[in-house]
Amino acid sequence: MAAPQSNSHVENYVTTNRFYVEIGKSIVASFSECSGITIEVEKEVYHEGGVNEQQRISLGQTRFSDITLKRGTTDDNTFSQWLGELFEQKTQRRNVNILTYNQAGEIMKSWCLIGAIPVGWKLPSLEADGNTVAAEARSLWRD
């Protein structure tokens, strides 16, 4: 008789629709869309004289793109207060973690935005007959 198979491996995959944003040591929001997690390294390609079959690559500055969080839900005011500091020109850079979970609710992957600062906030259209979640899109810039 064959031994029963364990289904534990089924619960160990990461979904793209279940992630949270952590500022400091507190989870402050859950979002259903996150875009812009991109890193690019500038490069220059050099061809040495007399060595036609080889090239040299020199690496330059690293660039990070803005990250946009959409369709979020939260009852925490941390991000809104942080954004409000921009108007008073007292805003501070903060470390922000974007956490992805597996089906069992365990953290599977995280991205740490070091020295992030909010650069935008947009409220969706408010419609009396709409049925979407009224949450804003937030953009973060980081060094």
C-alpha atoms as a PDB file:
ATOM      1  CA  MET A   1       0.000   0.000   0.000  1.00  0.00           C
ATOM      2  CA  ALA A   2       1.394   3.416  -0.965  1.00  0.00           C
ATOM      3  CA  ALA A   3       2.023   5.975   1.763  1.00  0.00           C
ATOM      4  CA  PRO A   4      -0.247   9.043   1.685  1.00  0.00           C
ATOM      5  CA  GLN A   5       1.355  12.055   0.042  1.00  0.00           C
ATOM      6  CA  SER A   6       1.858  15.266   1.974  1.00  0.00           C
ATOM      7  CA  ASN A   7       0.207  18.404   0.647  1.00  0.00           C
ATOM      8  CA  SER A   8       2.611  20.737   2.481  1.00  0.00           C
ATOM      9  CA  HIS A   9       4.413  21.655  -0.754  1.00  0.00           C
ATOM     10  CA  VAL A  10       1.148  22.974  -2.202  1.00  0.00           C
ATOM     11  CA  GLU A  11       0.984  25.718   0.444  1.00  0.00           C
ATOM     12  CA  ASN A  12       4.514  26.924  -0.231  1.00  0.00           C
ATOM     13  CA  TYR A  13       4.028  28.987  -3.384  1.00  0.00           C
ATOM     14  CA  VAL A  14       3.959  32.769  -3.530  1.00  0.00           C
ATOM     15  CA  THR A  15       0.946  34.563  -4.926  1.00  0.00           C
ATOM     16  CA  THR A  16       1.085  38.028  -6.474  1.00  0.00           C
ATOM     17  CA  ASN A  17      -2.163  39.201  -4.914  1.00  0.00           C
ATOM     18  CA  ARG A  18      -1.326  38.961  -1.243  1.00  0.00           C
ATOM     19  CA  PHE A  19       1.210  41.398   0.145  1.00  0.00           C
ATOM     20  CA  TYR A  20       1.599  43.965   2.876  1.00  0.00           C
ATOM     21  CA  VAL A  21       3.592  47.136   3.466  1.00  0.00           C
ATOM     22  CA  GLU A  22       5.586  47.488   6.645  1.00  0.00           C
ATOM     23  CA  ILE A  23       6.997  50.806   7.902  1.00  0.00           C
ATOM     24  CA  GLY A  24       9.258  50.547  10.895  1.00  0.00           C
ATOM     25  CA  LYS A  25       8.168  47.379  12.639  1.00  0.00           C
ATOM     26  CA  SER A  26       4.437  47.671  11.931  1.00  0.00           C
ATOM     27  CA  ILE A  27       2.375  46.440   9.018  1.00  0.00           C
ATOM     28  CA  VAL A  28       0.509  49.576   7.956  1.00  0.00           C
ATOM     29  CA  ALA A  29      -1.386  48.521   4.823  1.00  0.00           C
ATOM     30  CA  SER A  30      -2.307  45.771   2.423  1.00  0.00           C
ATOM     31  CA  PHE A  31      -2.300  46.443  -1.317  1.00  0.00           C
ATOM     32  CA  SER A  32      -3.553  44.450  -4.257  1.00  0.00           C
ATOM     33  CA  GLU A  33      -1.117  45.937  -6.768  1.00  0.00           C
ATOM     34  CA  CYS A  34       2.531  46.941  -6.571  1.00  0.00           C
ATOM     35  CA  SER A  35       4.552  47.967  -9.600  1.00  0.00           C
ATOM     36  CA  GLY A  36       7.963  49.419 -10.287  1.00  0.00           C
ATOM     37  CA  ILE A  37      10.288  47.178  -8.296  1.00  0.00           C
ATOM     38  CA  THR A  38      13.108  47.698 -10.755  1.00  0.00           C
ATOM     39  CA  ILE A  39      16.874  48.094 -10.510  1.00  0.00           C
ATOM     40  CA  GLU A  40      19.056  49.127 -13.445  1.00  0.00           C
ATOM     41  CA  VAL A  41      22.827  49.412 -13.551  1.00  0.00           C
ATOM     42  CA  GLU A  42      24.289  51.766 -16.151  1.00  0.00           C
ATOM     43  CA  LYS A  43      27.042  50.234 -18.228  1.00  0.00           C
ATOM     44  CA  GLU A  44      29.540  51.216 -20.889  1.00  0.00           C
ATOM     45  CA  VAL A  45      30.921  48.737 -23.380  1.00  0.00           C
ATOM     46  CA  TYR A  46      34.504  49.198 -24.546  1.00  0.00           C
ATOM     47  CA  HIS A  47      36.208  47.432 -27.429  1.00  0.00           C
ATOM     48  CA  GLU A  48      39.959  47.164 -27.037  1.00  0.00           C
ATOM     49  CA  GLY A  49      42.059  47.871 -30.064  1.00  0.00           C
ATOM     50  CA  GLY A  50      43.376  44.724 -31.686  1.00  0.00           C
ATOM     51  CA  VAL A  51      41.119  42.412 -29.617  1.00  0.00           C
ATOM     52  CA  ASN A  52      38.100  42.056 -31.885  1.00  0.00           C
ATOM     53  CA  GLU A  53      36.509  39.041 -30.216  1.00  0.00           C
ATOM     54  CA  GLN A  54      36.266  40.598 -26.730  1.00  0.00           C
ATOM     55  CA  GLN A  55      34.650  43.559 -25.060  1.00  0.00           C
ATOM     56  CA  ARG A  56      35.029  45.166 -21.674  1.00  0.00           C
ATOM     57  CA  ILE A  57      32.047  46.357 -19.647  1.00  0.00           C
ATOM     58  CA  SER A  58      32.362  49.125 -17.085  1.00  0.00           C
ATOM     59  CA  LEU A  59      29.535  49.384 -14.544  1.00  0.00           C
ATOM     60  CA  GLY A  60      28.223  52.783 -13.491  1.00  0.00           C
ATOM     61  CA  GLN A  61      25.468  54.168 -11.280  1.00  0.00           C
ATOM     62  CA  THR A  62      22.611  52.027 -10.003  1.00  0.00           C
ATOM     63  CA  ARG A  63      19.123  53.437 -10.595  1.00  0.00           C
ATOM     64  CA  PHE A  64      15.934  52.502  -8.774  1.00  0.00           C
ATOM     65  CA  SER A  65      12.491  53.225 -10.163  1.00  0.00           C
ATOM     66  CA  ASP A  66       9.521  54.696  -8.321  1.00  0.00           C
ATOM     67  CA  ILE A  67       7.282  52.096  -6.737  1.00  0.00           C
ATOM     68  CA  THR A  68       3.528  52.479  -7.042  1.00  0.00           C
ATOM     69  CA  LEU A  69       1.110  50.807  -4.634  1.00  0.00           C
ATOM     70  CA  LYS A  70      -2.528  50.577  -5.737  1.00  0.00           C
ATOM     71  CA  ARG A  71      -5.857  49.483  -4.308  1.00  0.00           C
ATOM     72  CA  GLY A  72      -4.814  49.380  -0.704  1.00  0.00           C
ATOM     73  CA  THR A  73      -6.712  48.918   2.499  1.00  0.00           C
ATOM     74  CA  THR A  74      -5.674  50.173   5.906  1.00  0.00           C
ATOM     75  CA  ASP A  75      -6.974  51.634   9.130  1.00  0.00           C
ATOM     76  CA  ASP A  76      -3.501  52.923  10.059  1.00  0.00           C
ATOM     77  CA  ASN A  77      -2.591  56.605   9.540  1.00  0.00           C
ATOM     78  CA  THR A  78       1.186  56.106   9.389  1.00  0.00           C
ATOM     79  CA  PHE A  79       1.493  56.627   5.632  1.00  0.00           C
ATOM     80  CA  SER A  80      -0.962  59.549   5.549  1.00  0.00           C
ATOM     81  CA  GLN A  81       0.913  61.282   8.368  1.00  0.00           C
ATOM     82  CA  TRP A  82       4.202  60.643   6.593  1.00  0.00           C
ATOM     83  CA  LEU A  83       2.783  62.170   3.413  1.00  0.00           C
ATOM     84  CA  GLY A  84       1.429  65.148   5.385  1.00  0.00           C
ATOM     85  CA  GLU A  85       4.969  65.898   6.566  1.00  0.00           C
ATOM     86  CA  LEU A  86       5.865  66.714   2.948  1.00  0.00           C
ATOM     87  CA  PHE A  87       3.661  69.829   3.083  1.00  0.00           C
ATOM     88  CA  GLU A  88       5.457  71.002   6.206  1.00  0.00           C
ATOM     89  CA  GLN A  89       8.856  70.120   4.673  1.00  0.00           C
ATOM     90  CA  LYS A  90       9.640  67.999   7.730  1.00  0.00           C
ATOM     91  CA  THR A  91       9.443  64.614   6.081  1.00  0.00           C
ATOM     92  CA  GLN A  92      11.994  61.973   6.930  1.00  0.00           C
ATOM     93  CA  ARG A  93      13.175  59.070   4.869  1.00  0.00           C
ATOM     94  CA  ARG A  94      12.037  55.729   6.202  1.00  0.00           C
ATOM     95  CA  ASN A  95      12.725  52.109   5.496  1.00  0.00           C
ATOM     96  CA  VAL A  96       9.719  50.369   3.967  1.00  0.00           C
ATOM     97  CA  ASN A  97       9.306  46.626   3.517  1.00  0.00           C
ATOM     98  CA  ILE A  98       7.054  45.058   0.913  1.00  0.00           C
ATOM     99  CA  LEU A  99       6.176  41.548   2.079  1.00  0.00           C
ATOM    100  CA  THR A 100       4.750  38.684   0.025  1.00  0.00           C
ATOM    101  CA  TYR A 101       3.133  35.702   1.670  1.00  0.00           C
ATOM    102  CA  ASN A 102       2.476  32.122   0.689  1.00  0.00           C
ATOM    103  CA  GLN A 103      -0.896  30.404   1.012  1.00  0.00           C
ATOM    104  CA  ALA A 104      -0.094  29.362   4.581  1.00  0.00           C
ATOM    105  CA  GLY A 105       0.404  33.006   5.621  1.00  0.00           C
ATOM    106  CA  GLU A 106       4.205  32.811   5.967  1.00  0.00           C
ATOM    107  CA  ILE A 107       6.520  35.522   4.644  1.00  0.00           C
ATOM    108  CA  MET A 108       8.156  34.132   1.524  1.00  0.00           C
ATOM    109  CA  LYS A 109       9.853  37.183   0.019  1.00  0.00           C
ATOM    110  CA  SER A 110      10.433  40.763   1.061  1.00  0.00           C
ATOM    111  CA  TRP A 111      11.909  43.851  -0.523  1.00  0.00           C
ATOM    112  CA  CYS A 112      13.397  46.563   1.656  1.00  0.00           C
ATOM    113  CA  LEU A 113      13.249  50.112   0.342  1.00  0.00           C
ATOM    114  CA  ILE A 114      16.005  51.912   2.214  1.00  0.00           C
ATOM    115  CA  GLY A 115      15.525  55.644   2.639  1.00  0.00           C
ATOM    116  CA  ALA A 116      12.131  55.789   0.908  1.00  0.00           C
ATOM    117  CA  ILE A 117      10.093  58.969   0.706  1.00  0.00           C
ATOM    118  CA  PRO A 118       6.519  59.426  -0.578  1.00  0.00           C
ATOM    119  CA  VAL A 119       6.306  61.420  -3.810  1.00  0.00           C
ATOM    120  CA  GLY A 120       2.653  61.050  -4.760  1.00  0.00           C
ATOM    121  CA  TRP A 121      -0.823  60.210  -3.617  1.00  0.00           C
ATOM    122  CA  LYS A 122      -3.946  59.825  -5.700  1.00  0.00           C
ATOM    123  CA  LEU A 123      -7.474  59.065  -4.553  1.00  0.00           C
ATOM    124  CA  PRO A 124      -9.619  57.088  -7.014  1.00  0.00           C
ATOM    125  CA  SER A 125     -12.791  58.548  -8.452  1.00  0.00           C
ATOM    126  CA  LEU A 126     -15.594  58.567  -5.913  1.00  0.00           C
ATOM    127  CA  GLU A 127     -18.743  57.231  -7.537  1.00  0.00           C
ATOM    128  CA  ALA A 128     -22.092  56.796  -5.809  1.00  0.00           C
ATOM    129  CA  ASP A 129     -22.869  53.655  -7.810  1.00  0.00           C
ATOM    130  CA  GLY A 130     -19.320  52.248  -7.711  1.00  0.00           C
ATOM    131  CA  ASN A 131     -18.355  49.108  -5.826  1.00  0.00           C
ATOM    132  CA  THR A 132     -14.559  49.369  -5.729  1.00  0.00           C
ATOM    133  CA  VAL A 133     -12.443  49.921  -2.641  1.00  0.00           C
ATOM    134  CA  ALA A 134     -11.795  53.628  -2.055  1.00  0.00           C
ATOM    135  CA  ALA A 135      -8.068  53.590  -1.486  1.00  0.00           C
ATOM    136  CA  GLU A 136      -5.318  55.648  -2.971  1.00  0.00           C
ATOM    137  CA  ALA A 137      -2.366  54.934  -5.167  1.00  0.00           C
ATOM    138  CA  ARG A 138       0.895  55.781  -3.432  1.00  0.00           C
ATOM    139  CA  SER A 139       4.281  56.279  -5.000  1.00  0.00           C
ATOM    140  CA  LEU A 140       7.549  55.912  -3.147  1.00  0.00           C
ATOM    141  CA  TRP A 141      10.923  57.142  -4.237  1.00  0.00           C
ATOM    142  CA  ARG A 142      14.095  55.708  -2.849  1.00  0.00           C
ATOM    143  CA  ASP A 143      17.845  56.233  -3.129  1.00  0.00           C
END
